[in-house]
Amino acid sequence: MTHGPMFQEVTRRVAVLSPLALLGTLSFQESAIAGAQQEEPLVDSVRTALSSAIQNAAPLVPEFPDTESRLKYLRWIGAMGERLKKKKPDWETRKEFLQTVWYESKRAGLDVALVLGLIQVESGFRKFAVSIAGARGYMQVMPFWTRVLGDGDAGKLFHMQTNLRFGCVILRHYIEREKGDLFMALGRYNGSRGRSPYPNAVFGAKRAWEYAA
């Protein structure tokens, strides 16, 4: 995918802005940036593992081994809720979104701040974002994934938990394909493997969502 001057300027600015300023860096963009993941053959073992991950409808209820872990999570929800207020003014909507991002990120073994940064770059936190390539929702999932991992109903990609689960599982798949190399995995997610603008933008946006308890 070739990005224009606007995206390149955003990437340059992300590299020098403070974490608080990063929250508004991409807010002016009305169209989704990414969404050119390439459909590729999957070996049976990978297909089975991904399908199992998608179909496992575990309840969306965070569980904690102790009180301190739960309190840490609640402090995170509060802090992230403040940062997300301009994008999602309604508290209950923000809370549900953040809880789902936290749950699906942890479920896929991903850094929650990385997932939030990716969502910021991909869709600007817009549930119904659609890219030129046809990718949908918060994490800009391409419709072909519903054939590979689901029932082929691309409309379901606008459902919050479905979109976040697909996106997190796909990103985990790419990280494993790239043997843990986040730069290459993000490029593969975006369809620009080996090129720097998109991974750098996500890494920059991630800084705005990092949280030290």
N, C-alpha and C. Protein backbone atom coordinates (compact mmCIF):
# COMPACT_ATOMS: atom_id res chain seq x y z
N MET A 1 0.84 -1.19 0.00
CA MET A 1 0.00 0.00 0.00
C MET A 1 0.88 1.24 0.00
N THR A 2 0.59 2.20 -0.86
CA THR A 2 1.36 3.44 -0.93
C THR A 2 0.61 4.53 -0.19
N HIS A 3 1.28 5.19 0.77
CA HIS A 3 0.65 6.24 1.54
C HIS A 3 1.05 7.59 0.99
N GLY A 4 0.13 8.54 1.02
CA GLY A 4 0.36 9.87 0.48
C GLY A 4 1.09 10.77 1.45
N PRO A 5 1.30 12.03 1.05
CA PRO A 5 2.04 12.99 1.87
C PRO A 5 1.40 13.22 3.22
N MET A 6 0.05 13.20 3.31
CA MET A 6 -0.61 13.44 4.59
C MET A 6 -0.21 12.39 5.60
N PHE A 7 -0.24 11.11 5.19
CA PHE A 7 0.12 10.04 6.11
C PHE A 7 1.59 10.14 6.52
N GLN A 8 2.47 10.47 5.55
CA GLN A 8 3.88 10.59 5.87
C GLN A 8 4.13 11.71 6.86
N GLU A 9 3.37 12.83 6.74
CA GLU A 9 3.50 13.93 7.68
C GLU A 9 3.03 13.52 9.06
N VAL A 10 1.91 12.76 9.12
CA VAL A 10 1.42 12.26 10.41
C VAL A 10 2.49 11.40 11.06
N THR A 11 3.13 10.51 10.28
CA THR A 11 4.16 9.64 10.82
C THR A 11 5.32 10.45 11.37
N ARG A 12 5.73 11.51 10.64
CA ARG A 12 6.84 12.33 11.11
C ARG A 12 6.48 13.00 12.43
N ARG A 13 5.24 13.53 12.52
CA ARG A 13 4.82 14.22 13.72
C ARG A 13 4.71 13.27 14.90
N VAL A 14 4.21 12.04 14.66
CA VAL A 14 4.07 11.06 15.73
C VAL A 14 5.41 10.79 16.40
N ALA A 15 6.48 10.81 15.64
CA ALA A 15 7.80 10.48 16.17
C ALA A 15 8.29 11.51 17.18
N VAL A 16 7.75 12.74 17.14
CA VAL A 16 8.29 13.79 18.01
C VAL A 16 7.28 14.27 19.04
N LEU A 17 6.02 13.88 18.97
CA LEU A 17 5.02 14.38 19.90
C LEU A 17 5.09 13.65 21.23
N SER A 18 4.62 14.33 22.28
CA SER A 18 4.52 13.71 23.59
C SER A 18 3.35 12.74 23.60
N PRO A 19 3.29 11.79 24.55
CA PRO A 19 2.18 10.84 24.61
C PRO A 19 0.82 11.51 24.69
N LEU A 20 0.67 12.61 25.45
CA LEU A 20 -0.63 13.25 25.54
C LEU A 20 -1.03 13.86 24.21
N ALA A 21 -0.07 14.44 23.51
CA ALA A 21 -0.39 15.06 22.22
C ALA A 21 -0.75 14.02 21.18
N LEU A 22 -0.23 12.80 21.35
CA LEU A 22 -0.48 11.75 20.35
C LEU A 22 -1.96 11.41 20.23
N LEU A 23 -2.72 11.62 21.31
CA LEU A 23 -4.13 11.25 21.28
C LEU A 23 -4.89 11.95 20.17
N GLY A 24 -4.47 13.18 19.84
CA GLY A 24 -5.20 13.92 18.82
C GLY A 24 -4.54 13.91 17.47
N THR A 25 -3.42 13.24 17.32
CA THR A 25 -2.64 13.32 16.09
C THR A 25 -3.41 12.86 14.87
N LEU A 26 -4.15 11.76 15.00
CA LEU A 26 -4.83 11.19 13.85
C LEU A 26 -6.31 11.55 13.81
N SER A 27 -6.75 12.40 14.72
CA SER A 27 -8.18 12.64 14.84
C SER A 27 -8.78 13.33 13.63
N PHE A 28 -7.94 14.06 12.86
CA PHE A 28 -8.49 14.81 11.73
C PHE A 28 -8.78 13.92 10.54
N GLN A 29 -8.34 12.68 10.56
CA GLN A 29 -8.49 11.83 9.39
C GLN A 29 -9.88 11.22 9.37
N GLU A 30 -10.57 11.34 8.28
CA GLU A 30 -11.93 10.84 8.16
C GLU A 30 -11.98 9.46 7.52
N SER A 31 -10.97 9.11 6.76
CA SER A 31 -10.98 7.80 6.11
C SER A 31 -10.02 6.87 6.81
N ALA A 32 -10.32 5.58 6.78
CA ALA A 32 -9.45 4.60 7.42
C ALA A 32 -8.15 4.49 6.64
N ILE A 33 -7.05 4.40 7.36
CA ILE A 33 -5.74 4.36 6.71
C ILE A 33 -5.47 3.00 6.09
N ALA A 34 -5.70 1.94 6.86
CA ALA A 34 -5.22 0.63 6.45
C ALA A 34 -6.34 -0.24 5.93
N GLY A 35 -6.04 -1.50 5.73
CA GLY A 35 -7.05 -2.43 5.29
C GLY A 35 -6.71 -3.12 4.00
N ALA A 36 -5.42 -3.45 3.83
CA ALA A 36 -5.01 -4.14 2.61
C ALA A 36 -4.31 -5.45 2.95
N GLN A 37 -4.79 -6.11 4.00
CA GLN A 37 -4.24 -7.42 4.33
C GLN A 37 -4.42 -8.33 3.12
N GLN A 38 -3.45 -9.19 2.91
CA GLN A 38 -3.50 -10.06 1.74
C GLN A 38 -4.05 -11.43 2.11
N GLU A 39 -4.99 -11.90 1.31
CA GLU A 39 -5.49 -13.26 1.53
C GLU A 39 -4.40 -14.23 1.13
N GLU A 40 -4.14 -15.20 2.00
CA GLU A 40 -3.05 -16.13 1.75
C GLU A 40 -3.47 -17.52 2.18
N PRO A 41 -2.89 -18.55 1.57
CA PRO A 41 -3.22 -19.91 1.97
C PRO A 41 -2.78 -20.15 3.41
N LEU A 42 -3.60 -20.87 4.16
CA LEU A 42 -3.25 -21.23 5.53
C LEU A 42 -3.15 -22.74 5.64
N VAL A 43 -2.08 -23.22 6.24
CA VAL A 43 -1.96 -24.65 6.45
C VAL A 43 -3.06 -25.07 7.41
N ASP A 44 -3.44 -26.35 7.36
CA ASP A 44 -4.58 -26.81 8.14
C ASP A 44 -4.42 -26.55 9.64
N SER A 45 -3.20 -26.72 10.14
CA SER A 45 -2.99 -26.54 11.57
C SER A 45 -3.24 -25.10 12.00
N VAL A 46 -2.82 -24.14 11.15
CA VAL A 46 -3.04 -22.73 11.45
C VAL A 46 -4.52 -22.40 11.35
N ARG A 47 -5.16 -22.89 10.30
CA ARG A 47 -6.59 -22.63 10.11
C ARG A 47 -7.38 -23.16 11.31
N THR A 48 -7.04 -24.36 11.75
CA THR A 48 -7.75 -24.96 12.89
C THR A 48 -7.55 -24.15 14.15
N ALA A 49 -6.31 -23.71 14.39
CA ALA A 49 -6.02 -22.93 15.59
C ALA A 49 -6.74 -21.60 15.59
N LEU A 50 -6.75 -20.92 14.43
CA LEU A 50 -7.41 -19.63 14.35
C LEU A 50 -8.93 -19.77 14.45
N SER A 51 -9.47 -20.78 13.78
CA SER A 51 -10.92 -21.01 13.85
C SER A 51 -11.35 -21.30 15.27
N SER A 52 -10.55 -22.10 15.97
CA SER A 52 -10.86 -22.42 17.36
C SER A 52 -10.85 -21.18 18.23
N ALA A 53 -9.88 -20.30 17.99
CA ALA A 53 -9.78 -19.07 18.78
C ALA A 53 -10.98 -18.17 18.55
N ILE A 54 -11.44 -18.08 17.31
CA ILE A 54 -12.58 -17.23 16.99
C ILE A 54 -13.87 -17.80 17.57
N GLN A 55 -14.04 -19.10 17.46
CA GLN A 55 -15.30 -19.73 17.83
C GLN A 55 -15.46 -19.92 19.33
N ASN A 56 -14.36 -19.80 20.08
CA ASN A 56 -14.43 -19.97 21.52
C ASN A 56 -15.09 -18.74 22.14
N ALA A 57 -16.38 -18.83 22.36
CA ALA A 57 -17.14 -17.68 22.85
C ALA A 57 -17.10 -17.62 24.37
N ALA A 58 -15.92 -17.45 24.91
CA ALA A 58 -15.78 -17.31 26.35
C ALA A 58 -16.49 -16.05 26.81
N PRO A 59 -17.06 -16.07 28.00
CA PRO A 59 -17.79 -14.88 28.47
C PRO A 59 -16.85 -13.69 28.62
N LEU A 60 -17.37 -12.52 28.25
CA LEU A 60 -16.58 -11.30 28.29
C LEU A 60 -16.60 -10.74 29.71
N VAL A 61 -16.03 -11.49 30.63
CA VAL A 61 -15.98 -11.07 32.03
C VAL A 61 -14.55 -11.24 32.52
N PRO A 62 -13.84 -10.14 32.77
CA PRO A 62 -12.47 -10.26 33.26
C PRO A 62 -12.42 -11.00 34.59
N GLU A 63 -11.45 -11.87 34.71
CA GLU A 63 -11.26 -12.59 35.95
C GLU A 63 -9.88 -12.27 36.50
N PHE A 64 -9.77 -12.16 37.82
CA PHE A 64 -8.53 -11.74 38.44
C PHE A 64 -8.15 -12.69 39.58
N PRO A 65 -6.86 -12.96 39.70
CA PRO A 65 -6.42 -13.90 40.74
C PRO A 65 -6.49 -13.31 42.15
N ASP A 66 -6.50 -11.97 42.25
CA ASP A 66 -6.53 -11.35 43.57
C ASP A 66 -7.11 -9.94 43.46
N THR A 67 -7.35 -9.34 44.62
CA THR A 67 -7.97 -8.01 44.67
C THR A 67 -7.09 -6.95 44.04
N GLU A 68 -5.78 -7.03 44.26
CA GLU A 68 -4.88 -6.02 43.72
C GLU A 68 -4.91 -6.01 42.19
N SER A 69 -5.00 -7.18 41.58
CA SER A 69 -5.06 -7.26 40.12
C SER A 69 -6.34 -6.61 39.61
N ARG A 70 -7.44 -6.85 40.33
CA ARG A 70 -8.70 -6.23 39.92
C ARG A 70 -8.64 -4.72 40.07
N LEU A 71 -8.07 -4.23 41.16
CA LEU A 71 -7.96 -2.80 41.37
C LEU A 71 -7.07 -2.16 40.31
N LYS A 72 -6.02 -2.85 39.91
CA LYS A 72 -5.14 -2.35 38.85
C LYS A 72 -5.91 -2.20 37.54
N TYR A 73 -6.74 -3.21 37.25
CA TYR A 73 -7.57 -3.15 36.04
C TYR A 73 -8.55 -1.99 36.11
N LEU A 74 -9.19 -1.78 37.26
CA LEU A 74 -10.16 -0.69 37.39
C LEU A 74 -9.48 0.67 37.26
N ARG A 75 -8.25 0.78 37.77
CA ARG A 75 -7.51 2.04 37.61
C ARG A 75 -7.18 2.28 36.14
N TRP A 76 -6.85 1.20 35.44
CA TRP A 76 -6.56 1.30 34.00
C TRP A 76 -7.80 1.76 33.24
N ILE A 77 -8.95 1.15 33.55
CA ILE A 77 -10.21 1.54 32.90
C ILE A 77 -10.48 3.03 33.11
N GLY A 78 -10.26 3.50 34.33
CA GLY A 78 -10.51 4.90 34.62
C GLY A 78 -9.58 5.82 33.84
N ALA A 79 -8.29 5.48 33.81
CA ALA A 79 -7.31 6.32 33.10
C ALA A 79 -7.56 6.32 31.60
N MET A 80 -7.81 5.14 31.03
CA MET A 80 -8.04 5.05 29.60
C MET A 80 -9.37 5.71 29.22
N GLY A 81 -10.34 5.63 30.13
CA GLY A 81 -11.62 6.25 29.87
C GLY A 81 -11.49 7.76 29.71
N GLU A 82 -10.63 8.35 30.52
CA GLU A 82 -10.40 9.79 30.40
C GLU A 82 -9.75 10.13 29.05
N ARG A 83 -8.80 9.31 28.63
CA ARG A 83 -8.09 9.58 27.38
C ARG A 83 -8.99 9.39 26.16
N LEU A 84 -9.99 8.53 26.30
CA LEU A 84 -10.85 8.21 25.17
C LEU A 84 -12.12 9.07 25.13
N LYS A 85 -12.27 9.97 26.10
CA LYS A 85 -13.53 10.69 26.26
C LYS A 85 -13.95 11.46 25.01
N LYS A 86 -12.99 12.07 24.32
CA LYS A 86 -13.35 12.87 23.13
C LYS A 86 -13.86 11.99 22.00
N LYS A 87 -13.36 10.79 21.92
CA LYS A 87 -13.79 9.87 20.85
C LYS A 87 -15.12 9.21 21.18
N LYS A 88 -15.33 8.91 22.47
CA LYS A 88 -16.55 8.23 22.90
C LYS A 88 -17.06 8.93 24.15
N PRO A 89 -17.88 9.96 23.99
CA PRO A 89 -18.32 10.77 25.12
C PRO A 89 -19.11 10.00 26.19
N ASP A 90 -19.88 9.00 25.78
CA ASP A 90 -20.71 8.26 26.74
C ASP A 90 -19.87 7.29 27.55
N TRP A 91 -19.93 7.39 28.88
CA TRP A 91 -19.09 6.56 29.74
C TRP A 91 -19.35 5.07 29.57
N GLU A 92 -20.60 4.67 29.53
CA GLU A 92 -20.90 3.24 29.41
C GLU A 92 -20.36 2.68 28.09
N THR A 93 -20.45 3.46 27.02
CA THR A 93 -19.90 3.03 25.73
C THR A 93 -18.39 2.88 25.81
N ARG A 94 -17.73 3.85 26.44
CA ARG A 94 -16.27 3.77 26.61
C ARG A 94 -15.87 2.57 27.45
N LYS A 95 -16.59 2.38 28.52
CA LYS A 95 -16.27 1.28 29.43
C LYS A 95 -16.40 -0.07 28.73
N GLU A 96 -17.50 -0.26 27.99
CA GLU A 96 -17.71 -1.52 27.28
C GLU A 96 -16.62 -1.74 26.23
N PHE A 97 -16.28 -0.68 25.50
CA PHE A 97 -15.24 -0.78 24.48
C PHE A 97 -13.89 -1.14 25.11
N LEU A 98 -13.50 -0.43 26.15
CA LEU A 98 -12.20 -0.68 26.79
C LEU A 98 -12.15 -2.06 27.42
N GLN A 99 -13.24 -2.49 28.04
CA GLN A 99 -13.27 -3.82 28.62
C GLN A 99 -13.08 -4.89 27.56
N THR A 100 -13.71 -4.67 26.40
CA THR A 100 -13.59 -5.65 25.31
C THR A 100 -12.19 -5.65 24.72
N VAL A 101 -11.62 -4.46 24.53
CA VAL A 101 -10.24 -4.39 24.03
C VAL A 101 -9.29 -5.08 24.99
N TRP A 102 -9.45 -4.81 26.28
CA TRP A 102 -8.58 -5.43 27.30
C TRP A 102 -8.72 -6.95 27.25
N TYR A 103 -9.98 -7.42 27.22
CA TYR A 103 -10.25 -8.86 27.25
C TYR A 103 -9.67 -9.56 26.02
N GLU A 104 -9.95 -9.02 24.83
CA GLU A 104 -9.50 -9.67 23.60
C GLU A 104 -7.99 -9.57 23.41
N SER A 105 -7.39 -8.47 23.87
CA SER A 105 -5.93 -8.34 23.79
C SER A 105 -5.27 -9.39 24.67
N LYS A 106 -5.73 -9.48 25.92
CA LYS A 106 -5.16 -10.46 26.84
C LYS A 106 -5.38 -11.88 26.34
N ARG A 107 -6.55 -12.13 25.79
CA ARG A 107 -6.90 -13.46 25.27
C ARG A 107 -5.94 -13.88 24.16
N ALA A 108 -5.52 -12.91 23.34
CA ALA A 108 -4.62 -13.20 22.23
C ALA A 108 -3.14 -13.03 22.61
N GLY A 109 -2.87 -12.68 23.85
CA GLY A 109 -1.50 -12.50 24.29
C GLY A 109 -0.84 -11.26 23.72
N LEU A 110 -1.63 -10.18 23.58
CA LEU A 110 -1.12 -8.95 22.99
C LEU A 110 -1.05 -7.84 24.03
N ASP A 111 -0.17 -6.88 23.78
CA ASP A 111 -0.06 -5.68 24.59
C ASP A 111 -1.29 -4.81 24.32
N VAL A 112 -2.05 -4.49 25.37
CA VAL A 112 -3.27 -3.72 25.18
C VAL A 112 -2.98 -2.35 24.57
N ALA A 113 -1.88 -1.72 24.98
CA ALA A 113 -1.53 -0.41 24.42
C ALA A 113 -1.25 -0.51 22.93
N LEU A 114 -0.64 -1.61 22.50
CA LEU A 114 -0.37 -1.81 21.07
C LEU A 114 -1.67 -1.93 20.30
N VAL A 115 -2.63 -2.68 20.84
CA VAL A 115 -3.91 -2.85 20.17
C VAL A 115 -4.66 -1.52 20.08
N LEU A 116 -4.65 -0.73 21.15
CA LEU A 116 -5.30 0.57 21.12
C LEU A 116 -4.61 1.50 20.12
N GLY A 117 -3.29 1.44 20.05
CA GLY A 117 -2.57 2.24 19.07
C GLY A 117 -2.93 1.84 17.66
N LEU A 118 -3.04 0.54 17.42
CA LEU A 118 -3.41 0.06 16.10
C LEU A 118 -4.82 0.53 15.73
N ILE A 119 -5.75 0.46 16.69
CA ILE A 119 -7.11 0.90 16.43
C ILE A 119 -7.13 2.39 16.10
N GLN A 120 -6.34 3.18 16.83
CA GLN A 120 -6.29 4.62 16.55
C GLN A 120 -5.84 4.89 15.12
N VAL A 121 -4.80 4.19 14.69
CA VAL A 121 -4.27 4.40 13.34
C VAL A 121 -5.23 3.84 12.28
N GLU A 122 -5.78 2.67 12.56
CA GLU A 122 -6.63 2.01 11.57
C GLU A 122 -7.95 2.74 11.34
N SER A 123 -8.65 3.10 12.41
CA SER A 123 -10.03 3.57 12.25
C SER A 123 -10.34 4.84 13.02
N GLY A 124 -9.39 5.35 13.81
CA GLY A 124 -9.70 6.51 14.63
C GLY A 124 -10.80 6.21 15.64
N PHE A 125 -10.92 4.94 16.06
CA PHE A 125 -11.92 4.48 17.03
C PHE A 125 -13.34 4.59 16.50
N ARG A 126 -13.51 4.48 15.18
CA ARG A 126 -14.83 4.53 14.57
C ARG A 126 -15.33 3.12 14.27
N LYS A 127 -16.41 2.75 14.89
CA LYS A 127 -16.95 1.40 14.79
C LYS A 127 -17.30 1.00 13.37
N PHE A 128 -17.81 1.95 12.59
CA PHE A 128 -18.29 1.62 11.25
C PHE A 128 -17.35 2.13 10.14
N ALA A 129 -16.08 2.30 10.48
CA ALA A 129 -15.10 2.73 9.47
C ALA A 129 -14.96 1.68 8.38
N VAL A 130 -14.84 2.13 7.13
CA VAL A 130 -14.63 1.24 5.99
C VAL A 130 -13.51 1.83 5.15
N SER A 131 -12.49 1.04 4.84
CA SER A 131 -11.38 1.53 4.04
C SER A 131 -11.69 1.42 2.55
N ILE A 132 -10.86 2.03 1.74
CA ILE A 132 -11.01 1.94 0.29
C ILE A 132 -10.96 0.48 -0.16
N ALA A 133 -10.15 -0.32 0.54
CA ALA A 133 -10.01 -1.73 0.18
C ALA A 133 -11.16 -2.59 0.70
N GLY A 134 -12.05 -1.98 1.52
CA GLY A 134 -13.20 -2.72 2.01
C GLY A 134 -13.06 -3.27 3.41
N ALA A 135 -11.94 -2.97 4.09
CA ALA A 135 -11.76 -3.45 5.46
C ALA A 135 -12.74 -2.73 6.37
N ARG A 136 -13.13 -3.40 7.45
CA ARG A 136 -14.25 -2.90 8.25
C ARG A 136 -13.94 -2.81 9.74
N GLY A 137 -14.58 -1.82 10.34
CA GLY A 137 -14.63 -1.74 11.79
C GLY A 137 -13.38 -1.19 12.46
N TYR A 138 -13.38 -1.30 13.78
CA TYR A 138 -12.31 -0.74 14.60
C TYR A 138 -10.92 -1.16 14.15
N MET A 139 -10.74 -2.47 13.89
CA MET A 139 -9.41 -2.98 13.54
C MET A 139 -9.26 -3.24 12.05
N GLN A 140 -10.22 -2.73 11.27
CA GLN A 140 -10.13 -2.79 9.81
C GLN A 140 -9.81 -4.20 9.30
N VAL A 141 -10.72 -5.09 9.59
CA VAL A 141 -10.58 -6.50 9.20
C VAL A 141 -11.13 -6.68 7.79
N MET A 142 -10.35 -7.33 6.94
CA MET A 142 -10.79 -7.58 5.58
C MET A 142 -11.88 -8.65 5.55
N PRO A 143 -12.92 -8.49 4.71
CA PRO A 143 -14.02 -9.45 4.68
C PRO A 143 -13.60 -10.89 4.39
N PHE A 144 -12.49 -11.10 3.68
CA PHE A 144 -12.11 -12.48 3.35
C PHE A 144 -11.87 -13.32 4.60
N TRP A 145 -11.50 -12.65 5.72
CA TRP A 145 -11.26 -13.40 6.95
C TRP A 145 -12.52 -14.09 7.47
N THR A 146 -13.69 -13.56 7.14
CA THR A 146 -14.91 -14.21 7.60
C THR A 146 -15.12 -15.54 6.88
N ARG A 147 -14.55 -15.67 5.69
CA ARG A 147 -14.61 -16.95 4.98
C ARG A 147 -13.59 -17.92 5.57
N VAL A 148 -12.42 -17.40 5.90
CA VAL A 148 -11.35 -18.26 6.41
C VAL A 148 -11.65 -18.74 7.82
N LEU A 149 -12.17 -17.84 8.66
CA LEU A 149 -12.31 -18.15 10.08
C LEU A 149 -13.74 -18.16 10.59
N GLY A 150 -14.69 -17.79 9.75
CA GLY A 150 -16.06 -17.71 10.23
C GLY A 150 -17.05 -18.25 9.23
N ASP A 151 -18.21 -17.58 9.14
CA ASP A 151 -19.28 -18.09 8.29
C ASP A 151 -19.46 -17.28 7.02
N GLY A 152 -18.54 -16.35 6.75
CA GLY A 152 -18.61 -15.58 5.53
C GLY A 152 -19.50 -14.34 5.60
N ASP A 153 -20.07 -14.06 6.76
CA ASP A 153 -20.95 -12.91 6.90
C ASP A 153 -20.10 -11.69 7.29
N ALA A 154 -19.72 -10.89 6.29
CA ALA A 154 -18.85 -9.73 6.54
C ALA A 154 -19.53 -8.67 7.37
N GLY A 155 -20.85 -8.66 7.39
CA GLY A 155 -21.58 -7.69 8.19
C GLY A 155 -21.28 -7.81 9.67
N LYS A 156 -20.89 -9.00 10.10
CA LYS A 156 -20.59 -9.21 11.51
C LYS A 156 -19.33 -8.47 11.95
N LEU A 157 -18.53 -8.03 10.99
CA LEU A 157 -17.30 -7.31 11.33
C LEU A 157 -17.58 -5.93 11.92
N PHE A 158 -18.82 -5.47 11.87
CA PHE A 158 -19.18 -4.22 12.52
C PHE A 158 -19.62 -4.45 13.97
N HIS A 159 -19.74 -5.71 14.36
CA HIS A 159 -20.04 -6.02 15.76
C HIS A 159 -18.76 -5.86 16.56
N MET A 160 -18.82 -5.12 17.64
CA MET A 160 -17.60 -4.73 18.35
C MET A 160 -16.74 -5.92 18.76
N GLN A 161 -17.30 -6.86 19.50
CA GLN A 161 -16.47 -7.95 20.00
C GLN A 161 -15.97 -8.83 18.86
N THR A 162 -16.81 -9.06 17.86
CA THR A 162 -16.36 -9.87 16.72
C THR A 162 -15.19 -9.21 16.02
N ASN A 163 -15.29 -7.91 15.78
CA ASN A 163 -14.22 -7.20 15.09
C ASN A 163 -12.93 -7.22 15.90
N LEU A 164 -13.03 -6.96 17.19
CA LEU A 164 -11.83 -6.93 18.03
C LEU A 164 -11.23 -8.33 18.17
N ARG A 165 -12.08 -9.33 18.23
CA ARG A 165 -11.54 -10.69 18.34
C ARG A 165 -10.83 -11.10 17.05
N PHE A 166 -11.46 -10.85 15.91
CA PHE A 166 -10.81 -11.15 14.63
C PHE A 166 -9.49 -10.40 14.53
N GLY A 167 -9.54 -9.09 14.80
CA GLY A 167 -8.32 -8.29 14.66
C GLY A 167 -7.19 -8.76 15.54
N CYS A 168 -7.50 -9.08 16.80
CA CYS A 168 -6.46 -9.53 17.72
C CYS A 168 -5.90 -10.89 17.33
N VAL A 169 -6.78 -11.80 16.92
CA VAL A 169 -6.32 -13.13 16.51
C VAL A 169 -5.47 -13.03 15.24
N ILE A 170 -5.88 -12.18 14.31
CA ILE A 170 -5.11 -12.01 13.06
C ILE A 170 -3.75 -11.41 13.36
N LEU A 171 -3.70 -10.39 14.24
CA LEU A 171 -2.41 -9.79 14.58
C LEU A 171 -1.51 -10.80 15.27
N ARG A 172 -2.06 -11.60 16.17
CA ARG A 172 -1.27 -12.65 16.82
C ARG A 172 -0.74 -13.63 15.78
N HIS A 173 -1.57 -13.99 14.82
CA HIS A 173 -1.16 -14.89 13.74
C HIS A 173 0.03 -14.31 12.98
N TYR A 174 -0.04 -13.02 12.65
CA TYR A 174 1.05 -12.39 11.91
C TYR A 174 2.32 -12.28 12.75
N ILE A 175 2.18 -12.03 14.03
CA ILE A 175 3.35 -11.98 14.92
C ILE A 175 4.05 -13.33 14.93
N GLU A 176 3.27 -14.39 14.99
CA GLU A 176 3.85 -15.73 14.97
C GLU A 176 4.49 -16.03 13.62
N ARG A 177 3.83 -15.59 12.54
CA ARG A 177 4.40 -15.78 11.20
C ARG A 177 5.75 -15.07 11.08
N GLU A 178 5.87 -13.91 11.75
CA GLU A 178 7.10 -13.12 11.67
C GLU A 178 8.04 -13.39 12.84
N LYS A 179 7.79 -14.49 13.55
CA LYS A 179 8.66 -14.94 14.65
C LYS A 179 8.90 -13.84 15.69
N GLY A 180 7.82 -13.13 16.03
CA GLY A 180 7.89 -12.14 17.08
C GLY A 180 8.31 -10.75 16.66
N ASP A 181 8.59 -10.55 15.38
CA ASP A 181 9.02 -9.24 14.88
C ASP A 181 7.78 -8.36 14.69
N LEU A 182 7.56 -7.43 15.64
CA LEU A 182 6.36 -6.59 15.58
C LEU A 182 6.35 -5.67 14.37
N PHE A 183 7.50 -5.16 14.00
CA PHE A 183 7.58 -4.27 12.84
C PHE A 183 7.07 -4.98 11.59
N MET A 184 7.56 -6.19 11.36
CA MET A 184 7.14 -6.93 10.17
C MET A 184 5.70 -7.42 10.28
N ALA A 185 5.29 -7.78 11.50
CA ALA A 185 3.92 -8.26 11.69
C ALA A 185 2.91 -7.15 11.44
N LEU A 186 3.21 -5.94 11.91
CA LEU A 186 2.32 -4.82 11.66
C LEU A 186 2.26 -4.48 10.17
N GLY A 187 3.41 -4.56 9.50
CA GLY A 187 3.41 -4.33 8.06
C GLY A 187 2.56 -5.35 7.34
N ARG A 188 2.61 -6.59 7.78
CA ARG A 188 1.78 -7.62 7.16
C ARG A 188 0.30 -7.36 7.44
N TYR A 189 -0.01 -6.92 8.65
CA TYR A 189 -1.40 -6.60 9.01
C TYR A 189 -1.95 -5.51 8.09
N ASN A 190 -1.10 -4.56 7.77
CA ASN A 190 -1.49 -3.41 6.95
C ASN A 190 -1.39 -3.68 5.45
N GLY A 191 -0.71 -4.75 5.08
CA GLY A 191 -0.48 -5.01 3.66
C GLY A 191 0.68 -4.23 3.11
N SER A 192 1.57 -3.76 4.00
CA SER A 192 2.74 -2.98 3.56
C SER A 192 4.02 -3.56 4.16
N ARG A 193 4.08 -4.87 4.21
CA ARG A 193 5.19 -5.56 4.87
C ARG A 193 6.55 -5.07 4.36
N GLY A 194 7.42 -4.70 5.33
CA GLY A 194 8.75 -4.26 4.99
C GLY A 194 8.89 -2.76 4.85
N ARG A 195 7.76 -2.02 4.87
CA ARG A 195 7.82 -0.57 4.76
C ARG A 195 7.49 0.05 6.12
N SER A 196 8.07 1.20 6.40
CA SER A 196 8.05 1.73 7.76
C SER A 196 6.90 2.63 8.16
N PRO A 197 6.21 3.36 7.26
CA PRO A 197 5.23 4.35 7.73
C PRO A 197 4.16 3.79 8.67
N TYR A 198 3.56 2.66 8.29
CA TYR A 198 2.47 2.15 9.12
C TYR A 198 2.96 1.63 10.47
N PRO A 199 3.95 0.74 10.55
CA PRO A 199 4.42 0.29 11.86
C PRO A 199 4.86 1.45 12.74
N ASN A 200 5.55 2.42 12.18
CA ASN A 200 6.00 3.56 12.97
C ASN A 200 4.83 4.37 13.51
N ALA A 201 3.77 4.51 12.71
CA ALA A 201 2.58 5.23 13.17
C ALA A 201 1.92 4.49 14.33
N VAL A 202 1.83 3.17 14.24
CA VAL A 202 1.23 2.38 15.33
C VAL A 202 2.08 2.47 16.59
N PHE A 203 3.40 2.32 16.44
CA PHE A 203 4.28 2.43 17.60
C PHE A 203 4.15 3.80 18.25
N GLY A 204 4.03 4.85 17.43
CA GLY A 204 3.87 6.19 17.96
C GLY A 204 2.55 6.34 18.70
N ALA A 205 1.46 5.86 18.10
CA ALA A 205 0.14 5.95 18.73
C ALA A 205 0.09 5.12 20.01
N LYS A 206 0.80 4.02 20.04
CA LYS A 206 0.84 3.15 21.23
C LYS A 206 1.27 3.91 22.47
N ARG A 207 2.18 4.86 22.31
CA ARG A 207 2.69 5.60 23.45
C ARG A 207 1.60 6.35 24.19
N ALA A 208 0.56 6.76 23.48
CA ALA A 208 -0.54 7.49 24.10
C ALA A 208 -1.41 6.60 24.99
N TRP A 209 -1.28 5.27 24.84
CA TRP A 209 -2.15 4.34 25.56
C TRP A 209 -1.38 3.50 26.57
N GLU A 210 -0.11 3.80 26.76
CA GLU A 210 0.66 3.07 27.76
C GLU A 210 0.25 3.55 29.15
N TYR A 211 0.29 2.63 30.10
CA TYR A 211 -0.20 2.95 31.45
C TYR A 211 0.71 2.31 32.47
N ALA A 212 1.20 3.14 33.36
CA ALA A 212 2.02 2.65 34.48
C ALA A 212 1.17 2.69 35.74
N ALA A 213 0.86 1.54 36.28
CA ALA A 213 -0.01 1.47 37.46
C ALA A 213 0.65 2.15 38.66
